[in-house]
Amino acid sequence: MTLIIFVRHGQSTSNVGKILSHDVNNFPLTDEGREQVKRTAQELKKIKVDSIFTSPILRAYQTANIIGDELGIVPVIDERLRERWLGELNNKRFDPNDHWKLKIARGQLEVKNLEPWDILKKRVMEFVRSLKPDQVIIAVSHYDPIRAVIGHILDLDDVSAHGISIPNASMTIIETSSAPRILAIGSPIISSSLLSKLDRYIIRTQDIG
């Protein structure tokens, strides 16, 4: 089994501006975003991590590097963790109270070249299946790709998974096996209760005492 800790990037300038973007080099972390990630990095010190993989997109890459500096691990870019391809919505502002995904589902909006939900799930799950067994992995990604992993495990379509909350710099933790198990969704901390569930990894990967 492998433990995968999906970390959503910290708050970025695109989050503040309510802008959708899959651009690689735009929209860095805000000062608050950096502080969010530093707090998450301290939580991740509770376990011994083997590797960090990251989306190449700036806000995720900056997040991975802050975590990597704290843990002493150099992040590796993996394209399968990148933001959903947004097609015509790229760099457009959105209204969180009138969500574009619901507009699409209602037939009120058509978006050319938007990455389909099934394709998004496929590429992120290809990343999951490519990982070596018996390791603890951090994967820094974005809201929709992380939601897609949960959606795959729970067999949810894009709209049915709409209510899943993945805050900035939060951790979604999955244990892979013949039947993947979700241990946390969008959590800001690794609780003592969750640590007890991760006991096998802690004992195996770090000195105690």
C-alpha atoms as a PDB file:
ATOM      1  CA  MET A   1       0.000   0.000   0.000  1.00  0.00           C
ATOM      2  CA  THR A   2       0.984   3.608  -0.577  1.00  0.00           C
ATOM      3  CA  LEU A   3      -0.106   6.674   1.365  1.00  0.00           C
ATOM      4  CA  ILE A   4      -0.738   9.701  -0.849  1.00  0.00           C
ATOM      5  CA  ILE A   5      -1.185  13.120   0.708  1.00  0.00           C
ATOM      6  CA  PHE A   6      -2.720  15.434  -1.875  1.00  0.00           C
ATOM      7  CA  VAL A   7      -2.039  19.053  -0.967  1.00  0.00           C
ATOM      8  CA  ARG A   8      -3.899  21.827  -2.728  1.00  0.00           C
ATOM      9  CA  HIS A   9      -1.720  24.860  -3.443  1.00  0.00           C
ATOM     10  CA  GLY A  10      -1.897  27.807  -1.061  1.00  0.00           C
ATOM     11  CA  GLN A  11      -3.956  30.903  -1.755  1.00  0.00           C
ATOM     12  CA  SER A  12      -2.873  32.485  -5.040  1.00  0.00           C
ATOM     13  CA  THR A  13      -3.554  35.790  -6.740  1.00  0.00           C
ATOM     14  CA  SER A  14      -6.018  33.958  -9.003  1.00  0.00           C
ATOM     15  CA  ASN A  15      -7.989  32.813  -5.956  1.00  0.00           C
ATOM     16  CA  VAL A  16      -8.148  36.370  -4.629  1.00  0.00           C
ATOM     17  CA  GLY A  17      -9.165  37.736  -8.024  1.00  0.00           C
ATOM     18  CA  LYS A  18     -11.719  34.928  -8.651  1.00  0.00           C
ATOM     19  CA  ILE A  19      -9.922  34.034 -11.887  1.00  0.00           C
ATOM     20  CA  LEU A  20      -9.847  30.601 -13.494  1.00  0.00           C
ATOM     21  CA  SER A  21      -6.450  29.766 -14.982  1.00  0.00           C
ATOM     22  CA  HIS A  22      -4.425  26.820 -16.173  1.00  0.00           C
ATOM     23  CA  ASP A  23      -1.468  29.055 -17.142  1.00  0.00           C
ATOM     24  CA  VAL A  24       1.888  27.721 -16.024  1.00  0.00           C
ATOM     25  CA  ASN A  25       3.735  30.926 -15.148  1.00  0.00           C
ATOM     26  CA  ASN A  26       1.014  33.292 -13.897  1.00  0.00           C
ATOM     27  CA  PHE A  27      -0.737  33.843 -10.544  1.00  0.00           C
ATOM     28  CA  PRO A  28       1.793  33.188  -7.765  1.00  0.00           C
ATOM     29  CA  LEU A  29       1.011  32.560  -4.115  1.00  0.00           C
ATOM     30  CA  THR A  30      -0.056  35.508  -1.984  1.00  0.00           C
ATOM     31  CA  ASP A  31       1.665  36.269   1.325  1.00  0.00           C
ATOM     32  CA  GLU A  32      -1.269  34.598   3.071  1.00  0.00           C
ATOM     33  CA  GLY A  33      -0.891  31.609   0.745  1.00  0.00           C
ATOM     34  CA  ARG A  34       2.749  31.196   1.746  1.00  0.00           C
ATOM     35  CA  GLU A  35       1.799  31.298   5.413  1.00  0.00           C
ATOM     36  CA  GLN A  36      -0.918  28.697   4.819  1.00  0.00           C
ATOM     37  CA  VAL A  37       1.606  26.380   3.186  1.00  0.00           C
ATOM     38  CA  LYS A  38       4.144  26.851   5.981  1.00  0.00           C
ATOM     39  CA  ARG A  39       1.492  25.753   8.499  1.00  0.00           C
ATOM     40  CA  THR A  40       0.692  22.712   6.374  1.00  0.00           C
ATOM     41  CA  ALA A  41       4.390  21.873   6.115  1.00  0.00           C
ATOM     42  CA  GLN A  42       4.615  21.788   9.908  1.00  0.00           C
ATOM     43  CA  GLU A  43       1.746  19.295   9.965  1.00  0.00           C
ATOM     44  CA  LEU A  44       3.518  17.146   7.399  1.00  0.00           C
ATOM     45  CA  LYS A  45       6.524  16.891   9.713  1.00  0.00           C
ATOM     46  CA  LYS A  46       4.416  14.552  11.847  1.00  0.00           C
ATOM     47  CA  ILE A  47       5.222  11.753   9.402  1.00  0.00           C
ATOM     48  CA  LYS A  48       8.257  10.793   7.334  1.00  0.00           C
ATOM     49  CA  VAL A  49       7.603  11.540   3.683  1.00  0.00           C
ATOM     50  CA  ASP A  50       9.497   9.690   0.940  1.00  0.00           C
ATOM     51  CA  SER A  51       8.832  11.926  -2.092  1.00  0.00           C
ATOM     52  CA  ILE A  52       7.073  15.092  -3.220  1.00  0.00           C
ATOM     53  CA  PHE A  53       5.494  15.422  -6.665  1.00  0.00           C
ATOM     54  CA  THR A  54       3.947  18.621  -7.974  1.00  0.00           C
ATOM     55  CA  SER A  55       1.977  20.212 -10.753  1.00  0.00           C
ATOM     56  CA  PRO A  56       4.209  22.447 -12.888  1.00  0.00           C
ATOM     57  CA  ILE A  57       1.834  25.412 -12.475  1.00  0.00           C
ATOM     58  CA  LEU A  58       3.434  28.248 -10.521  1.00  0.00           C
ATOM     59  CA  ARG A  59       1.124  28.344  -7.492  1.00  0.00           C
ATOM     60  CA  ALA A  60       1.491  24.585  -6.983  1.00  0.00           C
ATOM     61  CA  TYR A  61       5.223  24.551  -7.693  1.00  0.00           C
ATOM     62  CA  GLN A  62       5.798  27.331  -5.137  1.00  0.00           C
ATOM     63  CA  THR A  63       3.716  25.367  -2.628  1.00  0.00           C
ATOM     64  CA  ALA A  64       5.751  22.213  -3.223  1.00  0.00           C
ATOM     65  CA  ASN A  65       9.020  24.075  -2.795  1.00  0.00           C
ATOM     66  CA  ILE A  66       7.976  25.576   0.535  1.00  0.00           C
ATOM     67  CA  ILE A  67       7.019  22.109   1.774  1.00  0.00           C
ATOM     68  CA  GLY A  68      10.159  20.598   0.274  1.00  0.00           C
ATOM     69  CA  ASP A  69      12.376  23.150   2.038  1.00  0.00           C
ATOM     70  CA  GLU A  70      10.774  22.248   5.370  1.00  0.00           C
ATOM     71  CA  LEU A  71      11.066  18.489   4.821  1.00  0.00           C
ATOM     72  CA  GLY A  72      14.436  18.445   3.055  1.00  0.00           C
ATOM     73  CA  ILE A  73      13.008  16.918  -0.140  1.00  0.00           C
ATOM     74  CA  VAL A  74      13.328  18.249  -3.690  1.00  0.00           C
ATOM     75  CA  PRO A  75       9.931  18.171  -5.451  1.00  0.00           C
ATOM     76  CA  VAL A  76       9.545  16.433  -8.801  1.00  0.00           C
ATOM     77  CA  ILE A  77       7.233  17.896 -11.459  1.00  0.00           C
ATOM     78  CA  ASP A  78       4.554  15.574 -12.800  1.00  0.00           C
ATOM     79  CA  GLU A  79       2.306  16.883 -15.585  1.00  0.00           C
ATOM     80  CA  ARG A  80      -0.543  14.609 -14.488  1.00  0.00           C
ATOM     81  CA  LEU A  81      -1.030  16.790 -11.402  1.00  0.00           C
ATOM     82  CA  ARG A  82      -1.527  20.007 -13.369  1.00  0.00           C
ATOM     83  CA  GLU A  83      -4.677  22.128 -13.256  1.00  0.00           C
ATOM     84  CA  ARG A  84      -7.715  21.080 -15.255  1.00  0.00           C
ATOM     85  CA  TRP A  85      -7.501  22.348 -18.831  1.00  0.00           C
ATOM     86  CA  LEU A  86     -10.103  25.107 -18.831  1.00  0.00           C
ATOM     87  CA  GLY A  87     -10.480  25.806 -22.525  1.00  0.00           C
ATOM     88  CA  GLU A  88     -12.405  29.020 -23.195  1.00  0.00           C
ATOM     89  CA  LEU A  89     -12.728  29.665 -19.459  1.00  0.00           C
ATOM     90  CA  ASN A  90      -8.993  30.193 -19.038  1.00  0.00           C
ATOM     91  CA  ASN A  91      -8.201  33.536 -17.380  1.00  0.00           C
ATOM     92  CA  LYS A  92     -11.880  34.378 -17.026  1.00  0.00           C
ATOM     93  CA  ARG A  93     -13.393  35.708 -13.810  1.00  0.00           C
ATOM     94  CA  PHE A  94     -16.076  33.577 -12.185  1.00  0.00           C
ATOM     95  CA  ASP A  95     -18.970  34.166  -9.826  1.00  0.00           C
ATOM     96  CA  PRO A  96     -18.770  31.691  -6.907  1.00  0.00           C
ATOM     97  CA  ASN A  97     -22.504  32.184  -6.313  1.00  0.00           C
ATOM     98  CA  ASP A  98     -23.411  31.180  -9.872  1.00  0.00           C
ATOM     99  CA  HIS A  99     -20.916  28.417 -10.595  1.00  0.00           C
ATOM    100  CA  TRP A 100     -19.863  27.673 -14.163  1.00  0.00           C
ATOM    101  CA  LYS A 101     -20.042  23.896 -13.630  1.00  0.00           C
ATOM    102  CA  LEU A 102     -23.700  24.127 -12.658  1.00  0.00           C
ATOM    103  CA  LYS A 103     -24.378  26.362 -15.647  1.00  0.00           C
ATOM    104  CA  ILE A 104     -22.891  23.695 -17.905  1.00  0.00           C
ATOM    105  CA  ALA A 105     -24.963  20.968 -16.226  1.00  0.00           C
ATOM    106  CA  ARG A 106     -28.141  23.035 -16.701  1.00  0.00           C
ATOM    107  CA  GLY A 107     -27.367  23.624 -20.364  1.00  0.00           C
ATOM    108  CA  GLN A 108     -26.896  27.361 -19.791  1.00  0.00           C
ATOM    109  CA  LEU A 109     -23.239  27.422 -20.815  1.00  0.00           C
ATOM    110  CA  GLU A 110     -21.093  25.711 -23.416  1.00  0.00           C
ATOM    111  CA  VAL A 111     -17.311  25.730 -23.027  1.00  0.00           C
ATOM    112  CA  LYS A 112     -15.037  24.707 -25.861  1.00  0.00           C
ATOM    113  CA  ASN A 113     -11.950  22.641 -25.019  1.00  0.00           C
ATOM    114  CA  LEU A 114     -12.790  22.154 -21.346  1.00  0.00           C
ATOM    115  CA  GLU A 115     -11.078  18.985 -20.109  1.00  0.00           C
ATOM    116  CA  PRO A 116     -13.836  16.403 -19.553  1.00  0.00           C
ATOM    117  CA  TRP A 117     -14.316  15.012 -16.043  1.00  0.00           C
ATOM    118  CA  ASP A 118     -13.587  11.428 -17.133  1.00  0.00           C
ATOM    119  CA  ILE A 119     -10.329  12.444 -18.810  1.00  0.00           C
ATOM    120  CA  LEU A 120      -9.316  14.438 -15.738  1.00  0.00           C
ATOM    121  CA  LYS A 121     -10.006  11.446 -13.497  1.00  0.00           C
ATOM    122  CA  LYS A 122      -8.065   9.158 -15.829  1.00  0.00           C
ATOM    123  CA  ARG A 123      -4.873  11.222 -15.841  1.00  0.00           C
ATOM    124  CA  VAL A 124      -4.796  11.799 -12.091  1.00  0.00           C
ATOM    125  CA  MET A 125      -5.491   8.124 -11.406  1.00  0.00           C
ATOM    126  CA  GLU A 126      -2.673   7.218 -13.798  1.00  0.00           C
ATOM    127  CA  PHE A 127      -0.403   9.208 -11.484  1.00  0.00           C
ATOM    128  CA  VAL A 128      -1.759   7.350  -8.453  1.00  0.00           C
ATOM    129  CA  ARG A 129      -1.239   3.941 -10.067  1.00  0.00           C
ATOM    130  CA  SER A 130       2.308   4.811 -11.161  1.00  0.00           C
ATOM    131  CA  LEU A 131       3.593   5.273  -7.618  1.00  0.00           C
ATOM    132  CA  LYS A 132       5.860   2.718  -5.990  1.00  0.00           C
ATOM    133  CA  PRO A 133       4.244   0.699  -3.193  1.00  0.00           C
ATOM    134  CA  ASP A 134       4.956   1.133   0.501  1.00  0.00           C
ATOM    135  CA  GLN A 135       5.819   4.811   0.396  1.00  0.00           C
ATOM    136  CA  VAL A 136       4.437   8.074   1.732  1.00  0.00           C
ATOM    137  CA  ILE A 137       3.974  10.554  -1.105  1.00  0.00           C
ATOM    138  CA  ILE A 138       2.989  14.217  -1.166  1.00  0.00           C
ATOM    139  CA  ALA A 139       1.254  15.294  -4.377  1.00  0.00           C
ATOM    140  CA  VAL A 140       0.735  19.052  -4.754  1.00  0.00           C
ATOM    141  CA  SER A 141      -2.098  19.815  -7.126  1.00  0.00           C
ATOM    142  CA  HIS A 142      -5.293  21.815  -7.626  1.00  0.00           C
ATOM    143  CA  TYR A 143      -8.932  21.756  -6.617  1.00  0.00           C
ATOM    144  CA  ASP A 144     -10.381  19.863  -9.571  1.00  0.00           C
ATOM    145  CA  PRO A 145      -7.662  17.188  -9.903  1.00  0.00           C
ATOM    146  CA  ILE A 146      -7.867  16.392  -6.187  1.00  0.00           C
ATOM    147  CA  ARG A 147     -11.651  16.356  -6.360  1.00  0.00           C
ATOM    148  CA  ALA A 148     -11.378  14.012  -9.355  1.00  0.00           C
ATOM    149  CA  VAL A 149      -9.460  11.432  -7.293  1.00  0.00           C
ATOM    150  CA  ILE A 150     -12.183  11.496  -4.671  1.00  0.00           C
ATOM    151  CA  GLY A 151     -14.795  11.353  -7.409  1.00  0.00           C
ATOM    152  CA  HIS A 152     -13.141   8.290  -8.907  1.00  0.00           C
ATOM    153  CA  ILE A 153     -13.058   6.441  -5.593  1.00  0.00           C
ATOM    154  CA  LEU A 154     -16.661   7.360  -4.743  1.00  0.00           C
ATOM    155  CA  ASP A 155     -17.905   7.015  -8.340  1.00  0.00           C
ATOM    156  CA  LEU A 156     -19.179  10.603  -8.573  1.00  0.00           C
ATOM    157  CA  ASP A 157     -19.677  12.683 -11.683  1.00  0.00           C
ATOM    158  CA  ASP A 158     -18.481  16.288 -11.888  1.00  0.00           C
ATOM    159  CA  VAL A 159     -21.708  17.833 -10.587  1.00  0.00           C
ATOM    160  CA  SER A 160     -22.322  15.141  -7.952  1.00  0.00           C
ATOM    161  CA  ALA A 161     -18.857  15.911  -6.576  1.00  0.00           C
ATOM    162  CA  HIS A 162     -19.532  19.666  -6.633  1.00  0.00           C
ATOM    163  CA  GLY A 163     -19.895  19.967  -2.853  1.00  0.00           C
ATOM    164  CA  ILE A 164     -16.505  18.459  -2.010  1.00  0.00           C
ATOM    165  CA  SER A 165     -14.485  21.119  -0.189  1.00  0.00           C
ATOM    166  CA  ILE A 166     -10.738  21.320  -0.874  1.00  0.00           C
ATOM    167  CA  PRO A 167      -9.487  24.550   0.770  1.00  0.00           C
ATOM    168  CA  ASN A 168      -6.158  26.136  -0.083  1.00  0.00           C
ATOM    169  CA  ALA A 169      -3.169  24.321   1.476  1.00  0.00           C
ATOM    170  CA  SER A 170      -5.427  21.536   2.771  1.00  0.00           C
ATOM    171  CA  MET A 171      -4.585  17.830   2.806  1.00  0.00           C
ATOM    172  CA  THR A 172      -6.611  15.037   1.243  1.00  0.00           C
ATOM    173  CA  ILE A 173      -5.155  11.692   2.254  1.00  0.00           C
ATOM    174  CA  ILE A 174      -5.686   8.408   0.443  1.00  0.00           C
ATOM    175  CA  GLU A 175      -4.336   4.961   1.168  1.00  0.00           C
ATOM    176  CA  THR A 176      -4.042   2.906  -1.984  1.00  0.00           C
ATOM    177  CA  SER A 177      -4.721  -0.810  -2.100  1.00  0.00           C
ATOM    178  CA  SER A 178      -7.062  -3.098  -4.032  1.00  0.00           C
ATOM    179  CA  ALA A 179      -9.807  -0.857  -2.585  1.00  0.00           C
ATOM    180  CA  PRO A 180      -8.466   2.697  -2.054  1.00  0.00           C
ATOM    181  CA  ARG A 181      -9.417   4.244   1.273  1.00  0.00           C
ATOM    182  CA  ILE A 182     -10.018   7.958   1.862  1.00  0.00           C
ATOM    183  CA  LEU A 183      -8.613   9.011   5.239  1.00  0.00           C
ATOM    184  CA  ALA A 184      -9.059  12.793   5.018  1.00  0.00           C
ATOM    185  CA  ILE A 185     -10.672  15.335   2.690  1.00  0.00           C
ATOM    186  CA  GLY A 186      -9.559  18.969   2.703  1.00  0.00           C
ATOM    187  CA  SER A 187      -8.124  18.848   6.222  1.00  0.00           C
ATOM    188  CA  PRO A 188      -5.912  21.698   7.514  1.00  0.00           C
ATOM    189  CA  ILE A 189      -4.225  19.441  10.102  1.00  0.00           C
ATOM    190  CA  ILE A 190      -3.235  15.827  10.684  1.00  0.00           C
ATOM    191  CA  SER A 191      -5.270  15.056  13.780  1.00  0.00           C
ATOM    192  CA  SER A 192      -4.239  12.682  16.558  1.00  0.00           C
ATOM    193  CA  SER A 193      -7.045  10.368  15.479  1.00  0.00           C
ATOM    194  CA  LEU A 194      -5.729  10.314  11.921  1.00  0.00           C
ATOM    195  CA  LEU A 195      -2.175   9.754  13.147  1.00  0.00           C
ATOM    196  CA  SER A 196      -3.355   6.597  14.879  1.00  0.00           C
ATOM    197  CA  LYS A 197      -4.617   5.344  11.508  1.00  0.00           C
ATOM    198  CA  LEU A 198      -1.231   6.141   9.976  1.00  0.00           C
ATOM    199  CA  ASP A 199       0.672   4.233  12.638  1.00  0.00           C
ATOM    200  CA  ARG A 200       2.085   1.651  10.251  1.00  0.00           C
ATOM    201  CA  TYR A 201       3.695   4.341   8.147  1.00  0.00           C
ATOM    202  CA  ILE A 202       5.102   6.251  11.082  1.00  0.00           C
ATOM    203  CA  ILE A 203       6.672   3.148  12.638  1.00  0.00           C
ATOM    204  CA  ARG A 204       8.066   2.006   9.308  1.00  0.00           C
ATOM    205  CA  THR A 205       9.546   5.326   8.192  1.00  0.00           C
ATOM    206  CA  GLN A 206      10.748   7.275  11.198  1.00  0.00           C
ATOM    207  CA  ASP A 207      12.645   6.668  14.378  1.00  0.00           C
ATOM    208  CA  ILE A 208      10.576   6.741  17.547  1.00  0.00           C
ATOM    209  CA  GLY A 209      11.894   7.553  21.004  1.00  0.00           C
END
